[in-house]
Amino acid sequence: MAVKADETLTLETEQSRWFLDRMRYADTHYEPTPERKPDMQAVLEKIEVRRRKRQN
């Protein structure tokens, strides 16, 4: 089944709009608590480990 370019674009735009709406809702309705915030140092280390694995 062929999808026209404009139909694909419309679907992507709707998904992006949905995602942005959810993010906007989260920003205004949820107060981040310290235990829910990710430990940025740990996140950066994970990313670095994944990068090394990919290079090997």
C-alpha atoms as a PDB file:
ATOM      1  CA  MET A   1       0.000   0.000   0.000  1.00  0.00           C
ATOM      2  CA  ALA A   2       1.566   3.241  -1.112  1.00  0.00           C
ATOM      3  CA  VAL A   3       1.412   6.199   1.226  1.00  0.00           C
ATOM      4  CA  LYS A   4       1.438   9.649  -0.263  1.00  0.00           C
ATOM      5  CA  ALA A   5       4.101  11.995   1.035  1.00  0.00           C
ATOM      6  CA  ASP A   6       1.559  14.457   2.416  1.00  0.00           C
ATOM      7  CA  GLU A   7      -0.222  11.692   4.377  1.00  0.00           C
ATOM      8  CA  THR A   8       3.052  10.637   5.997  1.00  0.00           C
ATOM      9  CA  LEU A   9       3.869  14.223   6.860  1.00  0.00           C
ATOM     10  CA  THR A  10       0.421  14.689   8.409  1.00  0.00           C
ATOM     11  CA  LEU A  11       0.862  11.579  10.563  1.00  0.00           C
ATOM     12  CA  GLU A  12       4.304  12.690  11.738  1.00  0.00           C
ATOM     13  CA  THR A  13       2.981  16.159  12.506  1.00  0.00           C
ATOM     14  CA  GLU A  14       0.115  14.709  14.563  1.00  0.00           C
ATOM     15  CA  GLN A  15       2.509  12.458  16.493  1.00  0.00           C
ATOM     16  CA  SER A  16       4.893  15.359  17.136  1.00  0.00           C
ATOM     17  CA  ARG A  17       2.024  17.547  18.270  1.00  0.00           C
ATOM     18  CA  TRP A  18       0.795  14.784  20.621  1.00  0.00           C
ATOM     19  CA  PHE A  19       4.291  14.342  22.046  1.00  0.00           C
ATOM     20  CA  LEU A  20       4.764  18.083  22.571  1.00  0.00           C
ATOM     21  CA  ASP A  21       1.351  18.322  24.237  1.00  0.00           C
ATOM     22  CA  ARG A  22       2.299  15.518  26.653  1.00  0.00           C
ATOM     23  CA  MET A  23       5.617  17.222  27.445  1.00  0.00           C
ATOM     24  CA  ARG A  24       3.889  20.562  28.016  1.00  0.00           C
ATOM     25  CA  TYR A  25       1.390  18.855  30.345  1.00  0.00           C
ATOM     26  CA  ALA A  26       4.214  17.166  32.248  1.00  0.00           C
ATOM     27  CA  ASP A  27       6.077  20.469  32.602  1.00  0.00           C
ATOM     28  CA  THR A  28       3.048  22.204  34.085  1.00  0.00           C
ATOM     29  CA  HIS A  29       1.571  19.362  36.204  1.00  0.00           C
ATOM     30  CA  TYR A  30       4.489  17.461  37.704  1.00  0.00           C
ATOM     31  CA  GLU A  31       6.965  18.771  40.205  1.00  0.00           C
ATOM     32  CA  PRO A  32      10.175  16.762  39.840  1.00  0.00           C
ATOM     33  CA  THR A  33      11.249  15.256  43.138  1.00  0.00           C
ATOM     34  CA  PRO A  34      14.936  14.640  43.865  1.00  0.00           C
ATOM     35  CA  GLU A  35      14.531  10.839  43.796  1.00  0.00           C
ATOM     36  CA  ARG A  36      12.834  10.985  40.370  1.00  0.00           C
ATOM     37  CA  LYS A  37      15.547  13.126  38.781  1.00  0.00           C
ATOM     38  CA  PRO A  38      18.132  10.995  36.985  1.00  0.00           C
ATOM     39  CA  ASP A  39      21.684  11.094  38.258  1.00  0.00           C
ATOM     40  CA  MET A  40      23.301  12.909  35.343  1.00  0.00           C
ATOM     41  CA  GLN A  41      26.766  11.539  36.054  1.00  0.00           C
ATOM     42  CA  ALA A  42      25.432   7.967  35.879  1.00  0.00           C
ATOM     43  CA  VAL A  43      23.546   8.769  32.673  1.00  0.00           C
ATOM     44  CA  LEU A  44      26.684  10.207  31.058  1.00  0.00           C
ATOM     45  CA  GLU A  45      28.683   7.130  32.086  1.00  0.00           C
ATOM     46  CA  LYS A  46      26.079   4.822  30.522  1.00  0.00           C
ATOM     47  CA  ILE A  47      26.203   6.810  27.292  1.00  0.00           C
ATOM     48  CA  GLU A  48      30.006   6.596  27.272  1.00  0.00           C
ATOM     49  CA  VAL A  49      29.921   2.807  27.832  1.00  0.00           C
ATOM     50  CA  ARG A  50      27.460   2.368  24.962  1.00  0.00           C
ATOM     51  CA  ARG A  51      29.640   4.529  22.702  1.00  0.00           C
ATOM     52  CA  ARG A  52      32.723   2.399  23.509  1.00  0.00           C
ATOM     53  CA  LYS A  53      30.805  -0.835  22.840  1.00  0.00           C
ATOM     54  CA  ARG A  54      29.658   0.492  19.482  1.00  0.00           C
ATOM     55  CA  GLN A  55      33.223   1.415  18.471  1.00  0.00           C
ATOM     56  CA  ASN A  56      34.615  -2.058  19.292  1.00  0.00           C
END
